[in-house]
């Protein structure tokens, strides 16, 4: 499996889980960038286990700080 295939599969696993669980919030483009960034950083460090990549991205997304606008 190539790195691009691994990246795509890891992203797809994370995205499907977050989407089906209702955890994807806000702008989808921003969410996709966040998930891919997490996967990319781990791959740069040498990680190649697909489920570890996707689960780490899911955990990072779930724990990310979320901006909550103040009511006027």
N, C-alpha and C. Protein backbone atom coordinates (compact mmCIF):
# COMPACT_ATOMS: atom_id res chain seq x y z
N UNK A 1 0.84 -1.17 0.00
CA UNK A 1 0.00 0.00 0.00
C UNK A 1 0.89 1.25 0.00
N UNK A 2 0.55 2.19 -0.85
CA UNK A 2 1.32 3.43 -0.91
C UNK A 2 0.91 4.36 0.23
N UNK A 3 1.74 5.36 0.47
CA UNK A 3 1.41 6.34 1.50
C UNK A 3 0.11 7.08 1.19
N UNK A 4 -0.12 7.38 -0.08
CA UNK A 4 -1.36 8.07 -0.45
C UNK A 4 -2.58 7.20 -0.18
N UNK A 5 -2.48 5.92 -0.45
CA UNK A 5 -3.58 5.00 -0.17
C UNK A 5 -3.82 4.88 1.33
N UNK A 6 -2.74 4.77 2.08
CA UNK A 6 -2.83 4.69 3.53
C UNK A 6 -3.48 5.94 4.10
N UNK A 7 -3.06 7.08 3.61
CA UNK A 7 -3.61 8.37 4.06
C UNK A 7 -5.11 8.44 3.75
N UNK A 8 -5.48 8.06 2.54
CA UNK A 8 -6.88 8.11 2.12
C UNK A 8 -7.74 7.14 2.93
N UNK A 9 -7.25 5.94 3.16
CA UNK A 9 -8.02 4.96 3.91
C UNK A 9 -8.16 5.37 5.38
N UNK A 10 -7.10 5.89 5.96
CA UNK A 10 -7.15 6.35 7.35
C UNK A 10 -8.14 7.50 7.49
N UNK A 11 -8.10 8.42 6.55
CA UNK A 11 -9.04 9.54 6.56
C UNK A 11 -10.47 9.05 6.43
N UNK A 12 -10.70 8.14 5.51
CA UNK A 12 -12.05 7.63 5.26
C UNK A 12 -12.63 6.96 6.51
N UNK A 13 -11.82 6.18 7.20
CA UNK A 13 -12.27 5.53 8.43
C UNK A 13 -12.66 6.57 9.47
N UNK A 14 -11.78 7.55 9.69
CA UNK A 14 -12.04 8.59 10.68
C UNK A 14 -13.27 9.41 10.30
N UNK A 15 -13.37 9.79 9.04
CA UNK A 15 -14.48 10.63 8.59
C UNK A 15 -15.81 9.91 8.75
N UNK A 16 -15.87 8.66 8.32
CA UNK A 16 -17.13 7.90 8.42
C UNK A 16 -17.56 7.76 9.87
N UNK A 17 -16.61 7.47 10.75
CA UNK A 17 -16.96 7.33 12.16
C UNK A 17 -17.50 8.64 12.72
N UNK A 18 -16.79 9.72 12.50
CA UNK A 18 -17.21 11.01 13.04
C UNK A 18 -18.54 11.46 12.45
N UNK A 19 -18.73 11.21 11.17
CA UNK A 19 -19.98 11.60 10.51
C UNK A 19 -21.16 10.79 11.04
N UNK A 20 -21.00 9.50 11.11
CA UNK A 20 -22.09 8.63 11.56
C UNK A 20 -22.41 8.83 13.04
N UNK A 21 -21.43 9.22 13.82
CA UNK A 21 -21.66 9.41 15.25
C UNK A 21 -22.21 10.80 15.55
N UNK A 22 -22.28 11.66 14.54
CA UNK A 22 -22.79 13.01 14.73
C UNK A 22 -21.79 13.97 15.35
N UNK A 23 -20.52 13.59 15.37
CA UNK A 23 -19.50 14.43 15.99
C UNK A 23 -18.91 15.48 15.05
N UNK A 24 -19.16 15.37 13.76
CA UNK A 24 -18.65 16.38 12.83
C UNK A 24 -19.47 17.65 13.00
N UNK A 25 -18.81 18.71 13.38
CA UNK A 25 -19.50 19.97 13.59
C UNK A 25 -18.80 21.07 12.81
N UNK A 26 -19.51 22.14 12.56
CA UNK A 26 -18.91 23.28 11.88
C UNK A 26 -18.67 23.01 10.40
N UNK A 27 -17.73 23.73 9.86
CA UNK A 27 -17.40 23.65 8.44
C UNK A 27 -16.71 22.32 8.13
N UNK A 28 -17.23 21.60 7.19
CA UNK A 28 -16.69 20.28 6.84
C UNK A 28 -15.28 20.37 6.26
N UNK A 29 -15.00 21.43 5.54
CA UNK A 29 -13.66 21.61 4.98
C UNK A 29 -12.64 21.75 6.10
N UNK A 30 -12.97 22.51 7.12
CA UNK A 30 -12.08 22.67 8.26
C UNK A 30 -11.88 21.35 9.00
N UNK A 31 -12.96 20.59 9.15
CA UNK A 31 -12.87 19.29 9.82
C UNK A 31 -11.96 18.35 9.03
N UNK A 32 -12.11 18.34 7.71
CA UNK A 32 -11.28 17.48 6.87
C UNK A 32 -9.81 17.87 6.98
N UNK A 33 -9.53 19.16 6.98
CA UNK A 33 -8.15 19.62 7.13
C UNK A 33 -7.57 19.20 8.47
N UNK A 34 -8.35 19.33 9.52
CA UNK A 34 -7.90 18.96 10.85
C UNK A 34 -7.54 17.47 10.90
N UNK A 35 -8.42 16.63 10.39
CA UNK A 35 -8.20 15.18 10.40
C UNK A 35 -6.98 14.82 9.57
N UNK A 36 -6.88 15.36 8.37
CA UNK A 36 -5.73 15.06 7.51
C UNK A 36 -4.43 15.56 8.11
N UNK A 37 -4.47 16.71 8.76
CA UNK A 37 -3.26 17.24 9.39
C UNK A 37 -2.75 16.28 10.46
N UNK A 38 -3.66 15.76 11.26
CA UNK A 38 -3.27 14.81 12.31
C UNK A 38 -2.67 13.54 11.70
N UNK A 39 -3.31 13.00 10.67
CA UNK A 39 -2.80 11.80 10.01
C UNK A 39 -1.44 12.08 9.38
N UNK A 40 -1.31 13.21 8.70
CA UNK A 40 -0.04 13.56 8.04
C UNK A 40 1.10 13.68 9.05
N UNK A 41 0.84 14.33 10.18
CA UNK A 41 1.90 14.49 11.18
C UNK A 41 2.37 13.14 11.72
N UNK A 42 1.45 12.23 11.91
CA UNK A 42 1.85 10.91 12.40
C UNK A 42 2.61 10.12 11.33
N UNK A 43 2.20 10.27 10.09
CA UNK A 43 2.89 9.56 9.01
C UNK A 43 4.30 10.11 8.82
N UNK A 44 4.47 11.40 8.99
CA UNK A 44 5.81 12.01 8.90
C UNK A 44 6.73 11.40 9.95
N UNK A 45 6.17 11.10 11.12
CA UNK A 45 6.97 10.48 12.19
C UNK A 45 7.16 8.98 11.99
N UNK A 46 6.56 8.42 10.93
CA UNK A 46 6.82 7.03 10.60
C UNK A 46 5.69 6.05 10.88
N UNK A 47 4.57 6.54 11.38
CA UNK A 47 3.46 5.63 11.67
C UNK A 47 2.82 5.12 10.38
N UNK A 48 2.57 3.82 10.30
CA UNK A 48 1.97 3.24 9.09
C UNK A 48 0.80 2.29 9.41
N UNK A 49 0.36 2.28 10.65
CA UNK A 49 -0.79 1.43 11.01
C UNK A 49 -2.08 2.22 10.79
N UNK A 50 -2.88 1.76 9.85
CA UNK A 50 -4.07 2.48 9.41
C UNK A 50 -5.04 2.77 10.55
N UNK A 51 -5.34 1.79 11.37
CA UNK A 51 -6.30 2.02 12.45
C UNK A 51 -5.75 2.94 13.53
N UNK A 52 -4.48 2.87 13.77
CA UNK A 52 -3.89 3.79 14.74
C UNK A 52 -3.96 5.22 14.21
N UNK A 53 -3.68 5.40 12.93
CA UNK A 53 -3.78 6.73 12.32
C UNK A 53 -5.21 7.27 12.41
N UNK A 54 -6.18 6.45 12.04
CA UNK A 54 -7.56 6.92 12.03
C UNK A 54 -8.07 7.15 13.45
N UNK A 55 -7.75 6.25 14.39
CA UNK A 55 -8.21 6.43 15.77
C UNK A 55 -7.58 7.64 16.43
N UNK A 56 -6.32 7.90 16.15
CA UNK A 56 -5.66 9.09 16.71
C UNK A 56 -6.30 10.36 16.15
N UNK A 57 -6.65 10.35 14.87
CA UNK A 57 -7.31 11.51 14.26
C UNK A 57 -8.70 11.72 14.88
N UNK A 58 -9.41 10.64 15.13
CA UNK A 58 -10.73 10.73 15.76
C UNK A 58 -10.59 11.32 17.17
N UNK A 59 -9.67 10.79 17.94
CA UNK A 59 -9.47 11.29 19.30
C UNK A 59 -9.07 12.76 19.32
N UNK A 60 -8.17 13.14 18.41
CA UNK A 60 -7.74 14.53 18.35
C UNK A 60 -8.90 15.44 17.98
N UNK A 61 -9.74 15.00 17.05
CA UNK A 61 -10.88 15.81 16.63
C UNK A 61 -11.87 15.96 17.79
N UNK A 62 -12.11 14.90 18.50
CA UNK A 62 -13.05 14.94 19.63
C UNK A 62 -12.55 15.85 20.75
N UNK A 63 -11.25 15.97 20.92
CA UNK A 63 -10.69 16.76 22.02
C UNK A 63 -10.26 18.16 21.61
N UNK A 64 -10.45 18.52 20.34
CA UNK A 64 -10.01 19.83 19.87
C UNK A 64 -10.81 20.92 20.55
N UNK A 65 -10.20 22.08 20.74
CA UNK A 65 -10.97 23.20 21.30
C UNK A 65 -11.99 23.68 20.26
N UNK A 66 -13.16 23.98 20.72
CA UNK A 66 -14.23 24.43 19.83
C UNK A 66 -14.60 25.86 20.18
N UNK A 67 -14.64 26.70 19.17
CA UNK A 67 -15.02 28.10 19.35
C UNK A 67 -16.53 28.19 19.52
N UNK A 68 -16.94 28.81 20.59
CA UNK A 68 -18.36 29.02 20.84
C UNK A 68 -18.60 30.52 20.84
N UNK A 69 -19.33 31.03 19.85
CA UNK A 69 -19.55 32.48 19.78
C UNK A 69 -20.42 32.96 20.96
N UNK A 70 -20.11 34.14 21.42
CA UNK A 70 -20.90 34.75 22.49
C UNK A 70 -22.21 35.27 21.93
N UNK A 71 -23.24 35.11 22.70
CA UNK A 71 -24.54 35.64 22.26
C UNK A 71 -24.58 37.13 22.50
N UNK A 72 -25.17 37.84 21.57
CA UNK A 72 -25.25 39.31 21.69
C UNK A 72 -26.43 39.74 22.50
